Amino acid sequence: MAPGNLVKWDDPKVEPNVDGESELIQQVCDTINKVQAHLTSAQNFSAHRHGFRGTHVKTQAIVKGSMTVKEGLPTHLAQGLFSNAGKTYPLAIRYANEPSFLQDDRAPGPRGCGMKVFGVEGAFLDEAGNKTKTQDFTFNNAPLLELTDLPKTVEIFKLRERNFSDPDGLKAEINKREDKDLQFAPAGLPNHHFMAYTMYSQSAYRYGEYVAKYAMFPTEKLQQALAEKAKINEGSDPEQHSLWLREYFNEHDAEFDFRVQLCQDINEQSVEDCSKPWDEEKYPFETVAKITLTKGQDVFEARRRAFWDDHMKLNVWYGLEAHRPLGSVNRLRKQVYKASVAKRAAINAVEVGLISSIDNIP
């Protein structure tokens, strides 16, 4: 690929203006906080007397490992974190179900993970990064995000909050929408072992001078085989994912290629509309690093789980300027994650902070 064919991150077409952006973001923050703390309906605090995240509530595993940057990368791929050929970074990943409630694992739907990479050097997006030296990434097991953009996110989050305890009501309202097929799409995602999922960033990020989406592809044959051998059905345990992950890491390592998909044509590869995945055949993912998650760790151990759930925070805006989040969905994340963290800390009367070493995690 010739770098001259790549879209620059500061091209005006990459991030178009969104009318009323600040007001729309505040509406989502208010809606998320309502789901977290509502006292008069069967929402999370009312049901559990505990403060959870706004989304990705159900922790399935917290796994430690490393990321090693591939050697010999061409200049346009050797950007930011990935410019240090051969360097190995410690990392930790939290795997979770996506919904805003404690979902039964037998119910299909999006699965996600948040990754924190340690020992990072470079120019950070804020002063906190200069202290922690970390880079955060988030992923889901689908290349598209049905929320699409900021205005549609407001609509969908209000709809979900309004029907938090009424799944049939939620389905009925979605059925009336023109984009109902898109909104129902997550329910059709495969419900199998986490280690067999390809995980996608869904939204786009600065990649040095360019624009990219990220993905984690499982590379071990054992992991890939779990897509067929470890499927959840009605007879599975409601906690099947955490049971499987705990069992898996007792005996096996897991390996993933960390790949980037560079933007070559902004007209075909929209940054603003996250409901349209970029064509992987025309614009292929390219490997820039190897992730290894090591066996012999208890990935659902109580202290580790409680520490991440109640005392840690993760945000795609914690990291390098070279990996600046792009698009209105990511600008929303910057504020809504902060609002979610603040509400969670207040409800639980705990300090939720940033960490600078993987050893801070039990």
Protein backbone atom coordinates (compact mmCIF):
# COMPACT_ATOMS: atom_id res chain seq x y z
CA MET A 1 0.00 0.00 0.00
CA ALA A 2 1.34 3.43 -0.95
CA PRO A 3 1.02 5.94 1.92
CA GLY A 4 -0.04 8.54 -0.63
CA ASN A 5 -3.34 6.67 -0.98
CA LEU A 6 -4.15 6.95 2.71
CA VAL A 7 -6.58 9.46 4.20
CA LYS A 8 -4.94 11.91 6.64
CA TRP A 9 -6.54 12.09 10.08
CA ASP A 10 -7.01 15.87 9.88
CA ASP A 11 -8.80 15.82 6.51
CA PRO A 12 -11.98 17.94 7.05
CA LYS A 13 -14.13 15.10 5.67
CA VAL A 14 -13.06 12.77 8.50
CA GLU A 15 -14.96 14.55 11.28
CA PRO A 16 -17.92 16.61 10.02
CA ASN A 17 -19.68 18.97 12.43
CA VAL A 18 -22.70 17.65 14.35
CA ASP A 19 -25.44 20.17 15.11
CA GLY A 20 -26.20 20.48 18.82
CA GLU A 21 -23.40 18.08 19.77
CA SER A 22 -22.92 19.24 23.37
CA GLU A 23 -26.63 19.01 24.14
CA LEU A 24 -26.90 15.55 22.56
CA ILE A 25 -23.93 14.27 24.55
CA GLN A 26 -25.45 15.57 27.78
CA GLN A 27 -28.71 13.77 27.01
CA VAL A 28 -26.84 10.46 26.70
CA CYS A 29 -24.90 11.11 29.93
CA ASP A 30 -28.15 11.83 31.78
CA THR A 31 -29.78 8.69 30.37
CA ILE A 32 -26.83 6.48 31.33
CA ASN A 33 -26.79 7.89 34.87
CA LYS A 34 -30.53 7.24 35.15
CA VAL A 35 -29.98 3.57 34.28
CA GLN A 36 -27.18 3.37 36.85
CA ALA A 37 -28.93 4.99 39.78
CA HIS A 38 -32.71 5.11 39.38
CA LEU A 39 -34.42 4.51 42.73
CA THR A 40 -38.03 4.15 41.63
CA SER A 41 -37.88 1.45 38.97
CA ALA A 42 -36.20 -1.93 38.49
CA GLN A 43 -33.01 -0.45 37.11
CA ASN A 44 -29.53 -1.29 38.30
CA PHE A 45 -29.21 0.35 41.72
CA SER A 46 -32.84 -0.35 42.57
CA ALA A 47 -32.38 -4.02 41.66
CA HIS A 48 -28.89 -4.66 43.07
CA ARG A 49 -28.02 -1.85 45.51
CA HIS A 50 -24.73 -1.44 43.69
CA GLY A 51 -23.37 0.99 41.13
CA PHE A 52 -22.39 -0.55 37.79
CA ARG A 53 -20.99 0.85 34.57
CA GLY A 54 -23.40 2.39 32.10
CA THR A 55 -22.81 -0.46 29.61
CA HIS A 56 -20.81 -3.71 29.53
CA VAL A 57 -22.01 -4.38 33.06
CA LYS A 58 -21.37 -8.12 33.42
CA THR A 59 -17.70 -8.97 33.92
CA GLN A 60 -16.75 -12.38 32.51
CA ALA A 61 -12.98 -12.39 33.05
CA ILE A 62 -9.99 -10.14 33.65
CA VAL A 63 -6.87 -11.48 31.96
CA LYS A 64 -3.26 -10.35 32.07
CA GLY A 65 -0.85 -10.70 29.16
CA SER A 66 1.40 -8.81 26.78
CA MET A 67 1.55 -7.12 23.39
CA THR A 68 4.66 -7.41 21.20
CA VAL A 69 5.04 -5.02 18.27
CA LYS A 70 5.83 -6.71 14.98
CA GLU A 71 9.31 -6.08 13.57
CA GLY A 72 9.92 -4.78 10.07
CA LEU A 73 6.71 -2.76 9.76
CA PRO A 74 6.67 -0.22 6.91
CA THR A 75 6.57 3.41 8.02
CA HIS A 76 2.82 3.89 7.51
CA LEU A 77 2.13 0.96 9.88
CA ALA A 78 4.86 1.81 12.41
CA GLN A 79 2.85 4.57 14.07
CA GLY A 80 2.39 5.62 17.70
CA LEU A 81 2.46 2.66 20.07
CA PHE A 82 3.45 0.45 17.14
CA SER A 83 6.53 2.41 16.12
CA ASN A 84 8.77 0.52 18.61
CA ALA A 85 9.72 -2.61 16.67
CA GLY A 86 9.92 -5.71 18.84
CA LYS A 87 8.89 -3.95 22.04
CA THR A 88 6.72 -5.88 24.49
CA TYR A 89 4.12 -4.10 26.62
CA PRO A 90 2.24 -5.58 29.59
CA LEU A 91 -1.55 -5.41 29.27
CA ALA A 92 -4.78 -6.42 30.95
CA ILE A 93 -8.17 -7.13 29.34
CA ARG A 94 -11.65 -7.19 30.87
CA TYR A 95 -14.18 -9.31 28.96
CA ALA A 96 -17.87 -8.49 29.42
CA ASN A 97 -21.39 -8.77 28.04
CA GLU A 98 -22.40 -5.47 26.42
CA PRO A 99 -25.87 -4.67 27.89
CA SER A 100 -26.55 -2.23 30.73
CA PHE A 101 -27.88 -5.05 32.93
CA LEU A 102 -26.60 -8.37 34.29
CA GLN A 103 -27.49 -10.44 31.25
CA ASP A 104 -28.03 -14.21 31.34
CA ASP A 105 -25.24 -15.69 29.19
CA ARG A 106 -27.77 -17.82 27.31
CA ALA A 107 -29.17 -14.64 25.74
CA PRO A 108 -27.31 -13.76 22.52
CA GLY A 109 -25.99 -10.26 22.01
CA PRO A 110 -22.83 -8.18 21.77
CA ARG A 111 -19.75 -9.22 23.75
CA GLY A 112 -16.92 -6.80 24.35
CA CYS A 113 -13.57 -6.18 25.96
CA GLY A 114 -11.56 -3.26 27.26
CA MET A 115 -7.77 -3.33 27.11
CA LYS A 116 -5.23 -1.28 29.07
CA VAL A 117 -1.64 -1.32 27.80
CA PHE A 118 1.15 -0.27 30.20
CA GLY A 119 4.60 1.28 29.81
CA VAL A 120 3.68 3.46 26.82
CA GLU A 121 5.85 6.42 25.80
CA GLY A 122 5.00 9.42 23.64
CA ALA A 123 2.81 12.54 23.53
CA PHE A 124 -0.42 11.87 25.45
CA LEU A 125 -3.88 13.33 24.97
CA ASP A 126 -3.94 14.69 28.53
CA GLU A 127 -1.73 15.22 31.55
CA ALA A 128 -2.96 12.04 33.22
CA GLY A 129 -1.34 10.03 30.45
CA ASN A 130 2.03 11.54 31.22
CA LYS A 131 1.69 10.07 34.72
CA THR A 132 0.19 6.66 33.99
CA LYS A 133 1.91 5.89 30.64
CA THR A 134 -1.04 3.78 29.48
CA GLN A 135 -3.08 3.32 26.29
CA ASP A 136 -6.70 2.13 26.39
CA PHE A 137 -8.58 0.26 23.64
CA THR A 138 -12.16 -1.05 23.46
CA PHE A 139 -13.64 -3.75 21.22
CA ASN A 140 -16.88 -5.59 20.44
CA ASN A 141 -17.50 -8.83 18.55
CA ALA A 142 -19.07 -7.11 15.50
CA PRO A 143 -17.41 -4.80 12.97
CA LEU A 144 -20.37 -2.39 12.96
CA LEU A 145 -22.02 -0.37 15.71
CA GLU A 146 -25.80 -0.25 15.40
CA LEU A 147 -25.86 3.07 17.30
CA THR A 148 -24.41 4.57 14.10
CA ASP A 149 -23.64 8.15 15.21
CA LEU A 150 -24.37 10.63 18.00
CA PRO A 151 -27.98 11.62 17.10
CA LYS A 152 -29.07 7.99 16.70
CA THR A 153 -27.30 7.03 19.92
CA VAL A 154 -29.49 9.51 21.80
CA GLU A 155 -32.62 7.91 20.34
CA ILE A 156 -31.58 4.33 21.09
CA PHE A 157 -30.35 4.97 24.64
CA LYS A 158 -33.56 6.75 25.56
CA LEU A 159 -35.54 3.88 24.07
CA ARG A 160 -33.52 1.31 26.04
CA GLU A 161 -33.84 3.25 29.28
CA ARG A 162 -37.58 3.67 28.83
CA ASN A 163 -37.96 -0.10 28.38
CA PHE A 164 -35.23 -1.20 30.80
CA SER A 165 -37.50 -3.74 32.52
CA ASP A 166 -39.75 -4.44 29.55
CA PRO A 167 -37.96 -6.40 26.79
CA ASP A 168 -41.21 -6.93 24.90
CA GLY A 169 -41.86 -3.19 24.96
CA LEU A 170 -38.35 -2.59 23.68
CA LYS A 171 -38.86 -4.97 20.79
CA ALA A 172 -42.19 -3.36 19.94
CA GLU A 173 -40.67 0.12 19.79
CA ILE A 174 -37.70 -1.03 17.70
CA ASN A 175 -40.09 -2.76 15.32
CA LYS A 176 -41.59 0.63 14.46
CA ARG A 177 -38.22 2.08 13.39
CA GLU A 178 -37.03 2.29 9.80
CA ASP A 179 -33.67 0.90 10.94
CA LYS A 180 -35.19 -2.02 12.84
CA ASP A 181 -33.06 -4.61 11.03
CA LEU A 182 -29.91 -2.77 12.08
CA GLN A 183 -31.08 -2.44 15.69
CA PHE A 184 -32.03 -6.12 15.92
CA ALA A 185 -28.73 -7.23 14.34
CA PRO A 186 -26.82 -7.66 17.65
CA ALA A 187 -29.29 -10.36 18.73
CA GLY A 188 -28.09 -12.42 15.78
CA LEU A 189 -24.43 -12.46 16.81
CA PRO A 190 -22.92 -15.87 17.57
CA ASN A 191 -22.99 -16.83 21.24
CA HIS A 192 -19.89 -18.94 21.72
CA HIS A 193 -16.61 -18.96 23.65
CA PHE A 194 -15.00 -15.51 24.02
CA MET A 195 -11.60 -16.80 22.91
CA ALA A 196 -12.99 -17.56 19.44
CA TYR A 197 -14.33 -14.04 18.81
CA THR A 198 -12.73 -11.57 16.46
CA MET A 199 -13.00 -8.28 18.34
CA TYR A 200 -13.42 -4.95 16.47
CA SER A 201 -12.97 -1.33 17.53
CA GLN A 202 -16.08 -0.43 15.48
CA SER A 203 -15.18 3.27 15.51
CA ALA A 204 -12.10 4.88 13.94
CA TYR A 205 -8.96 6.37 15.44
CA ARG A 206 -6.02 8.45 14.44
CA TYR A 207 -3.11 6.22 13.46
CA GLY A 208 -0.13 8.54 13.35
CA GLU A 209 -0.78 10.67 10.28
CA TYR A 210 -3.59 8.40 9.10
CA VAL A 211 -6.97 6.91 10.12
CA ALA A 212 -7.59 3.31 11.18
CA LYS A 213 -9.91 0.84 12.82
CA TYR A 214 -8.48 -1.89 15.05
CA ALA A 215 -9.27 -5.56 15.51
CA MET A 216 -8.05 -8.60 17.47
CA PHE A 217 -8.03 -11.85 15.48
CA PRO A 218 -7.62 -15.19 17.35
CA THR A 219 -4.74 -17.10 15.82
CA GLU A 220 -4.45 -20.35 17.79
CA LYS A 221 -6.24 -23.36 16.28
CA LEU A 222 -7.65 -24.28 19.69
CA GLN A 223 -9.29 -20.85 19.99
CA GLN A 224 -10.66 -20.90 16.47
CA ALA A 225 -12.15 -24.35 17.01
CA LEU A 226 -14.13 -23.08 20.01
CA ALA A 227 -16.45 -21.18 17.66
CA GLU A 228 -18.02 -24.58 16.86
CA LYS A 229 -17.10 -26.67 19.90
CA ALA A 230 -18.21 -24.21 22.59
CA LYS A 231 -21.61 -22.80 21.64
CA ILE A 232 -24.11 -21.65 24.24
CA ASN A 233 -27.62 -23.09 24.12
CA GLU A 234 -30.71 -23.20 26.33
CA GLY A 235 -29.17 -25.96 28.44
CA SER A 236 -26.02 -23.94 29.20
CA ASP A 237 -25.32 -22.32 32.55
CA PRO A 238 -26.51 -18.69 32.95
CA GLU A 239 -22.89 -17.94 33.93
CA GLN A 240 -21.38 -20.04 31.14
CA HIS A 241 -18.92 -17.47 29.78
CA SER A 242 -17.11 -16.85 33.05
CA LEU A 243 -17.04 -20.60 33.77
CA TRP A 244 -15.50 -21.31 30.37
CA LEU A 245 -12.94 -18.51 30.62
CA ARG A 246 -11.84 -19.54 34.08
CA GLU A 247 -11.40 -23.13 32.90
CA TYR A 248 -9.62 -22.09 29.68
CA PHE A 249 -6.92 -19.98 31.35
CA ASN A 250 -6.20 -22.64 33.93
CA GLU A 251 -4.65 -24.68 31.11
CA HIS A 252 -4.15 -22.63 27.93
CA ASP A 253 -2.57 -19.49 26.56
CA ALA A 254 -4.51 -17.38 24.06
CA GLU A 255 -3.00 -15.48 21.14
CA PHE A 256 -4.38 -12.76 18.90
CA ASP A 257 -3.10 -10.68 16.03
CA PHE A 258 -3.65 -6.99 16.67
CA ARG A 259 -4.47 -5.62 13.22
CA VAL A 260 -5.23 -2.21 11.74
CA GLN A 261 -7.50 -1.37 8.80
CA LEU A 262 -6.37 1.89 7.24
CA CYS A 263 -8.73 4.39 5.64
CA GLN A 264 -8.02 4.86 1.94
CA ASP A 265 -11.29 6.36 0.69
CA ILE A 266 -13.38 8.48 3.08
CA ASN A 267 -16.37 8.18 0.75
CA GLU A 268 -16.39 4.39 1.16
CA GLN A 269 -14.94 4.24 4.68
CA SER A 270 -17.01 6.59 6.79
CA VAL A 271 -15.64 7.63 10.17
CA GLU A 272 -18.87 9.28 11.30
CA ASP A 273 -21.27 6.43 10.41
CA CYS A 274 -20.20 3.46 12.52
CA SER A 275 -23.05 1.29 11.19
CA LYS A 276 -21.16 0.78 7.93
CA PRO A 277 -18.17 -1.57 8.33
CA TRP A 278 -15.22 -1.02 6.03
CA ASP A 279 -14.89 -3.66 3.30
CA GLU A 280 -12.26 -6.11 4.61
CA GLU A 281 -11.46 -7.51 1.15
CA LYS A 282 -10.95 -4.14 -0.47
CA TYR A 283 -9.33 -2.58 2.61
CA PRO A 284 -7.69 -5.49 4.45
CA PHE A 285 -6.58 -5.57 8.06
CA GLU A 286 -2.79 -5.72 8.55
CA THR A 287 -1.01 -7.19 11.57
CA VAL A 288 1.06 -4.78 13.66
CA ALA A 289 1.42 -6.69 16.95
CA LYS A 290 0.89 -10.02 18.70
CA ILE A 291 -1.15 -10.29 21.91
CA THR A 292 -0.50 -13.19 24.27
CA LEU A 293 -2.70 -13.95 27.28
CA THR A 294 -0.97 -16.40 29.57
CA LYS A 295 -2.31 -19.53 31.23
CA GLY A 296 -2.13 -20.28 34.93
CA GLN A 297 -4.10 -17.28 36.18
CA ASP A 298 -7.49 -17.17 37.88
CA VAL A 299 -9.28 -14.72 35.59
CA PHE A 300 -12.41 -14.48 37.77
CA GLU A 301 -10.67 -14.26 41.14
CA ALA A 302 -12.73 -12.14 43.54
CA ARG A 303 -10.11 -9.49 44.40
CA ARG A 304 -9.16 -8.96 40.77
CA ARG A 305 -12.78 -8.74 39.64
CA ALA A 306 -13.80 -6.38 42.46
CA PHE A 307 -10.78 -4.13 41.87
CA TRP A 308 -11.55 -3.65 38.17
CA ASP A 309 -15.31 -3.41 38.64
CA ASP A 310 -15.23 -0.88 41.47
CA HIS A 311 -11.87 0.91 41.43
CA MET A 312 -10.65 1.09 37.82
CA LYS A 313 -11.66 3.19 34.86
CA LEU A 314 -10.96 2.81 31.17
CA ASN A 315 -11.59 5.30 28.36
CA VAL A 316 -10.44 5.36 24.72
CA TRP A 317 -9.34 8.96 25.42
CA TYR A 318 -6.68 7.73 27.87
CA GLY A 319 -3.71 7.32 25.56
CA LEU A 320 -1.48 8.77 22.90
CA GLU A 321 -2.24 11.70 20.63
CA ALA A 322 -1.13 9.40 17.80
CA HIS A 323 -4.22 7.28 18.55
CA ARG A 324 -6.74 10.08 19.11
CA PRO A 325 -10.35 8.81 18.90
CA LEU A 326 -12.24 10.17 15.87
CA GLY A 327 -15.92 10.81 15.11
CA SER A 328 -18.91 11.90 17.18
CA VAL A 329 -19.40 8.45 18.74
CA ASN A 330 -15.91 8.67 20.20
CA ARG A 331 -16.40 12.27 21.32
CA LEU A 332 -19.51 11.00 23.09
CA ARG A 333 -17.49 8.24 24.75
CA LYS A 334 -15.11 10.81 26.22
CA GLN A 335 -17.90 12.44 28.21
CA VAL A 336 -20.26 9.55 28.86
CA TYR A 337 -17.48 7.35 30.28
CA LYS A 338 -16.54 10.16 32.67
CA ALA A 339 -20.17 10.59 33.73
CA SER A 340 -20.55 6.84 34.22
CA VAL A 341 -17.39 6.63 36.34
CA ALA A 342 -18.44 9.57 38.52
CA LYS A 343 -21.88 8.08 39.17
CA ARG A 344 -20.44 4.62 39.90
CA ALA A 345 -17.96 6.09 42.39
CA ALA A 346 -20.64 8.14 44.12
CA ILE A 347 -23.12 5.26 44.43
CA ASN A 348 -20.51 2.87 45.84
CA ALA A 349 -18.66 5.50 47.92
CA VAL A 350 -15.32 4.36 46.49
CA GLU A 351 -12.42 5.97 44.71
CA VAL A 352 -12.22 5.06 41.01
CA GLY A 353 -8.86 5.99 39.58
CA LEU A 354 -6.17 5.51 36.98
CA ILE A 355 -3.35 3.01 37.46
CA SER A 356 0.17 3.02 36.07
CA SER A 357 1.30 -0.59 36.51
CA ILE A 358 -0.20 -3.96 35.74
CA ASP A 359 0.93 -4.95 39.24
CA ASN A 360 -1.77 -2.66 40.64
CA ILE A 361 -4.30 -5.24 39.44
CA PRO A 362 -4.54 -8.21 41.89
